[in-house]
Amino acid sequence: MDNVALVYINRGEGKFNPNHRKENHFNAEYMAICPRTGGKIATLKTYWTGARYYAAFWYSGTINGARVHNSGTGWAGGYGYCRESAAAAEAIANAHIKLDVDIHGCGTNEIDPALRAIATALGYGDCFIIKANG
């Protein structure tokens, strides 16, 4: 599914629940980095409590000459699917970003292409994806 592309970014206020940040349960951080400037384009942090995955997502960039930035959080519980990618998909959606491919529950390998698509839509072109595990 490496053909993830961005179809829509809404500039409204994102849904960010600070209770979804479980710093004592940090799992991983994904960062999209601009190769020209070294600046962060987007950051996705995931947390795992043993029963649920939580995700927090932030991005910034330029669309049609206007600076945009937003954030969102999400969570996923239950069994039988990838909860980390499901929480990531919800956090991205709650930051008012719609991808043309649903990464919800599809595995963590789909997070990188989603962040690359977001970076491209924000005018950065390709980017580096750096992952730090907890």
C-alpha atoms as a PDB file:
ATOM      1  CA  MET A   1       0.000   0.000   0.000  1.00  0.00           C
ATOM      2  CA  ASP A   2       2.879   2.404  -0.561  1.00  0.00           C
ATOM      3  CA  ASN A   3       0.641   4.477  -2.846  1.00  0.00           C
ATOM      4  CA  VAL A   4      -0.872   6.594  -0.084  1.00  0.00           C
ATOM      5  CA  ALA A   5      -1.708  10.108  -1.243  1.00  0.00           C
ATOM      6  CA  LEU A   6      -3.291  13.064   0.428  1.00  0.00           C
ATOM      7  CA  VAL A   7      -6.661  14.192  -0.833  1.00  0.00           C
ATOM      8  CA  TYR A   8      -7.794  16.837   1.637  1.00  0.00           C
ATOM      9  CA  ILE A   9      -6.513  19.082   4.429  1.00  0.00           C
ATOM     10  CA  ASN A  10      -9.048  21.161   6.329  1.00  0.00           C
ATOM     11  CA  ARG A  11      -7.733  24.211   8.151  1.00  0.00           C
ATOM     12  CA  GLY A  12     -10.220  23.948  11.018  1.00  0.00           C
ATOM     13  CA  GLU A  13      -9.164  23.285  14.574  1.00  0.00           C
ATOM     14  CA  GLY A  14      -8.109  19.686  15.148  1.00  0.00           C
ATOM     15  CA  LYS A  15      -9.437  17.361  17.822  1.00  0.00           C
ATOM     16  CA  PHE A  16      -6.620  17.059  20.339  1.00  0.00           C
ATOM     17  CA  ASN A  17      -7.332  15.318  23.630  1.00  0.00           C
ATOM     18  CA  PRO A  18      -4.376  15.826  26.002  1.00  0.00           C
ATOM     19  CA  ASN A  19      -5.470  12.711  27.921  1.00  0.00           C
ATOM     20  CA  HIS A  20      -4.382  10.645  24.905  1.00  0.00           C
ATOM     21  CA  ARG A  21      -0.748  11.540  25.621  1.00  0.00           C
ATOM     22  CA  LYS A  22       0.469   8.756  27.859  1.00  0.00           C
ATOM     23  CA  GLU A  23       4.097   9.789  28.330  1.00  0.00           C
ATOM     24  CA  ASN A  24       4.778   6.964  30.799  1.00  0.00           C
ATOM     25  CA  HIS A  25       3.688   4.499  28.091  1.00  0.00           C
ATOM     26  CA  PHE A  26       5.692   5.881  25.155  1.00  0.00           C
ATOM     27  CA  ASN A  27       5.943   3.356  22.304  1.00  0.00           C
ATOM     28  CA  ALA A  28       7.300   5.097  19.188  1.00  0.00           C
ATOM     29  CA  GLU A  29       7.792   8.453  17.491  1.00  0.00           C
ATOM     30  CA  TYR A  30       7.700   8.961  13.725  1.00  0.00           C
ATOM     31  CA  MET A  31       9.080  12.238  12.351  1.00  0.00           C
ATOM     32  CA  ALA A  32       8.912  13.501   8.782  1.00  0.00           C
ATOM     33  CA  ILE A  33      12.015  15.661   8.273  1.00  0.00           C
ATOM     34  CA  CYS A  34      12.606  18.079   5.375  1.00  0.00           C
ATOM     35  CA  PRO A  35      15.889  17.098   3.656  1.00  0.00           C
ATOM     36  CA  ARG A  36      16.639  20.712   2.619  1.00  0.00           C
ATOM     37  CA  THR A  37      16.190  22.435   5.984  1.00  0.00           C
ATOM     38  CA  GLY A  38      16.284  19.598   8.502  1.00  0.00           C
ATOM     39  CA  GLY A  39      13.038  20.944   9.991  1.00  0.00           C
ATOM     40  CA  LYS A  40      10.180  18.813  11.270  1.00  0.00           C
ATOM     41  CA  ILE A  41       7.189  18.574   8.943  1.00  0.00           C
ATOM     42  CA  ALA A  42       5.087  16.155  10.972  1.00  0.00           C
ATOM     43  CA  THR A  43       5.412  14.197  14.195  1.00  0.00           C
ATOM     44  CA  LEU A  44       3.379  11.166  15.246  1.00  0.00           C
ATOM     45  CA  LYS A  45       3.840   9.702  18.725  1.00  0.00           C
ATOM     46  CA  THR A  46       2.265   6.420  19.815  1.00  0.00           C
ATOM     47  CA  TYR A  47       1.695   5.146  23.322  1.00  0.00           C
ATOM     48  CA  TRP A  48       0.723   1.649  24.483  1.00  0.00           C
ATOM     49  CA  THR A  49      -0.958   0.987  27.835  1.00  0.00           C
ATOM     50  CA  GLY A  50      -1.303  -2.776  27.394  1.00  0.00           C
ATOM     51  CA  ALA A  51      -4.989  -2.516  26.511  1.00  0.00           C
ATOM     52  CA  ARG A  52      -5.062   0.440  24.094  1.00  0.00           C
ATOM     53  CA  TYR A  53      -2.817   2.274  21.687  1.00  0.00           C
ATOM     54  CA  TYR A  54      -2.955   6.066  21.709  1.00  0.00           C
ATOM     55  CA  ALA A  55      -1.512   8.432  19.108  1.00  0.00           C
ATOM     56  CA  ALA A  56      -0.787  12.171  18.967  1.00  0.00           C
ATOM     57  CA  PHE A  57      -0.053  13.897  15.645  1.00  0.00           C
ATOM     58  CA  TRP A  58       1.212  17.387  14.737  1.00  0.00           C
ATOM     59  CA  TYR A  59       2.066  18.931  11.344  1.00  0.00           C
ATOM     60  CA  SER A  60       2.961  22.256   9.757  1.00  0.00           C
ATOM     61  CA  GLY A  61       3.574  23.441   6.220  1.00  0.00           C
ATOM     62  CA  THR A  62       2.315  25.640   3.389  1.00  0.00           C
ATOM     63  CA  ILE A  63      -0.682  25.135   1.107  1.00  0.00           C
ATOM     64  CA  ASN A  64      -1.300  27.657  -1.693  1.00  0.00           C
ATOM     65  CA  GLY A  65       1.073  30.124  -0.048  1.00  0.00           C
ATOM     66  CA  ALA A  66      -0.638  29.992   3.365  1.00  0.00           C
ATOM     67  CA  ARG A  67       0.970  28.483   6.461  1.00  0.00           C
ATOM     68  CA  VAL A  68      -1.055  25.647   7.957  1.00  0.00           C
ATOM     69  CA  HIS A  69      -0.572  23.631  11.118  1.00  0.00           C
ATOM     70  CA  ASN A  70      -2.792  21.368  13.133  1.00  0.00           C
ATOM     71  CA  SER A  71      -2.862  18.456  15.539  1.00  0.00           C
ATOM     72  CA  GLY A  72      -5.038  15.518  16.476  1.00  0.00           C
ATOM     73  CA  THR A  73      -5.155  12.489  18.749  1.00  0.00           C
ATOM     74  CA  GLY A  74      -6.754   9.072  18.590  1.00  0.00           C
ATOM     75  CA  TRP A  75      -6.864   5.666  20.221  1.00  0.00           C
ATOM     76  CA  ALA A  76      -7.607   2.050  19.370  1.00  0.00           C
ATOM     77  CA  GLY A  77      -8.428  -0.982  21.475  1.00  0.00           C
ATOM     78  CA  GLY A  78      -9.655  -4.507  20.912  1.00  0.00           C
ATOM     79  CA  TYR A  79      -8.025  -7.371  19.049  1.00  0.00           C
ATOM     80  CA  GLY A  80      -7.484  -8.773  15.573  1.00  0.00           C
ATOM     81  CA  TYR A  81      -5.945  -5.745  13.830  1.00  0.00           C
ATOM     82  CA  CYS A  82      -2.991  -3.389  14.162  1.00  0.00           C
ATOM     83  CA  ARG A  83      -4.016  -1.041  16.943  1.00  0.00           C
ATOM     84  CA  GLU A  84      -0.990   1.228  16.483  1.00  0.00           C
ATOM     85  CA  SER A  85      -1.862   2.059  12.853  1.00  0.00           C
ATOM     86  CA  ALA A  86      -5.537   2.394  13.810  1.00  0.00           C
ATOM     87  CA  ALA A  87      -4.701   4.962  16.508  1.00  0.00           C
ATOM     88  CA  ALA A  88      -2.384   6.757  14.049  1.00  0.00           C
ATOM     89  CA  ALA A  89      -5.130   6.880  11.404  1.00  0.00           C
ATOM     90  CA  GLU A  90      -7.584   8.356  13.903  1.00  0.00           C
ATOM     91  CA  ALA A  91      -5.062  10.987  15.063  1.00  0.00           C
ATOM     92  CA  ILE A  92      -4.333  11.997  11.451  1.00  0.00           C
ATOM     93  CA  ALA A  93      -8.063  12.183  10.681  1.00  0.00           C
ATOM     94  CA  ASN A  94      -8.654  14.262  13.816  1.00  0.00           C
ATOM     95  CA  ALA A  95      -6.028  16.720  12.525  1.00  0.00           C
ATOM     96  CA  HIS A  96      -8.404  17.184   9.551  1.00  0.00           C
ATOM     97  CA  ILE A  97      -6.345  15.194   7.062  1.00  0.00           C
ATOM     98  CA  LYS A  98      -7.986  12.684   4.753  1.00  0.00           C
ATOM     99  CA  LEU A  99      -5.810  10.136   2.970  1.00  0.00           C
ATOM    100  CA  ASP A 100      -6.962   8.362  -0.188  1.00  0.00           C
ATOM    101  CA  VAL A 101      -5.981   5.012   1.365  1.00  0.00           C
ATOM    102  CA  ASP A 102      -7.312   4.001   4.761  1.00  0.00           C
ATOM    103  CA  ILE A 103      -4.342   2.942   6.925  1.00  0.00           C
ATOM    104  CA  HIS A 104      -6.597   2.110   9.884  1.00  0.00           C
ATOM    105  CA  GLY A 105      -5.498  -1.274  11.227  1.00  0.00           C
ATOM    106  CA  CYS A 106      -3.321  -2.058   8.170  1.00  0.00           C
ATOM    107  CA  GLY A 107       0.022  -2.314   9.986  1.00  0.00           C
ATOM    108  CA  THR A 108       2.781   0.055  11.003  1.00  0.00           C
ATOM    109  CA  ASN A 109       4.416  -0.183   7.561  1.00  0.00           C
ATOM    110  CA  GLU A 110       1.644   2.114   6.294  1.00  0.00           C
ATOM    111  CA  ILE A 111       2.553   4.978   8.642  1.00  0.00           C
ATOM    112  CA  ASP A 112       5.693   5.965   6.665  1.00  0.00           C
ATOM    113  CA  PRO A 113       3.880   6.330   3.293  1.00  0.00           C
ATOM    114  CA  ALA A 114       1.116   8.320   5.001  1.00  0.00           C
ATOM    115  CA  LEU A 115       3.636  10.781   6.479  1.00  0.00           C
ATOM    116  CA  ARG A 116       5.387  11.056   3.092  1.00  0.00           C
ATOM    117  CA  ALA A 117       2.058  11.858   1.410  1.00  0.00           C
ATOM    118  CA  ILE A 118       1.342  14.542   4.005  1.00  0.00           C
ATOM    119  CA  ALA A 119       4.814  16.073   3.494  1.00  0.00           C
ATOM    120  CA  THR A 120       4.256  16.139  -0.277  1.00  0.00           C
ATOM    121  CA  ALA A 121       0.862  17.804   0.116  1.00  0.00           C
ATOM    122  CA  LEU A 122       2.415  20.421   2.383  1.00  0.00           C
ATOM    123  CA  GLY A 123       4.865  21.407  -0.326  1.00  0.00           C
ATOM    124  CA  TYR A 124       7.995  19.668   0.944  1.00  0.00           C
ATOM    125  CA  GLY A 125       8.276  16.950  -1.684  1.00  0.00           C
ATOM    126  CA  ASP A 126      10.025  13.868  -0.418  1.00  0.00           C
ATOM    127  CA  CYS A 127      11.183  13.692   3.177  1.00  0.00           C
ATOM    128  CA  PHE A 128      13.124  11.541   5.591  1.00  0.00           C
ATOM    129  CA  ILE A 129      11.116   9.439   8.031  1.00  0.00           C
ATOM    130  CA  ILE A 130      12.847   8.845  11.341  1.00  0.00           C
ATOM    131  CA  LYS A 131      11.406   6.372  13.821  1.00  0.00           C
ATOM    132  CA  ALA A 132      12.413   6.212  17.482  1.00  0.00           C
ATOM    133  CA  ASN A 133      11.209   3.247  19.532  1.00  0.00           C
ATOM    134  CA  GLY A 134      10.480   3.421  23.245  1.00  0.00           C
END
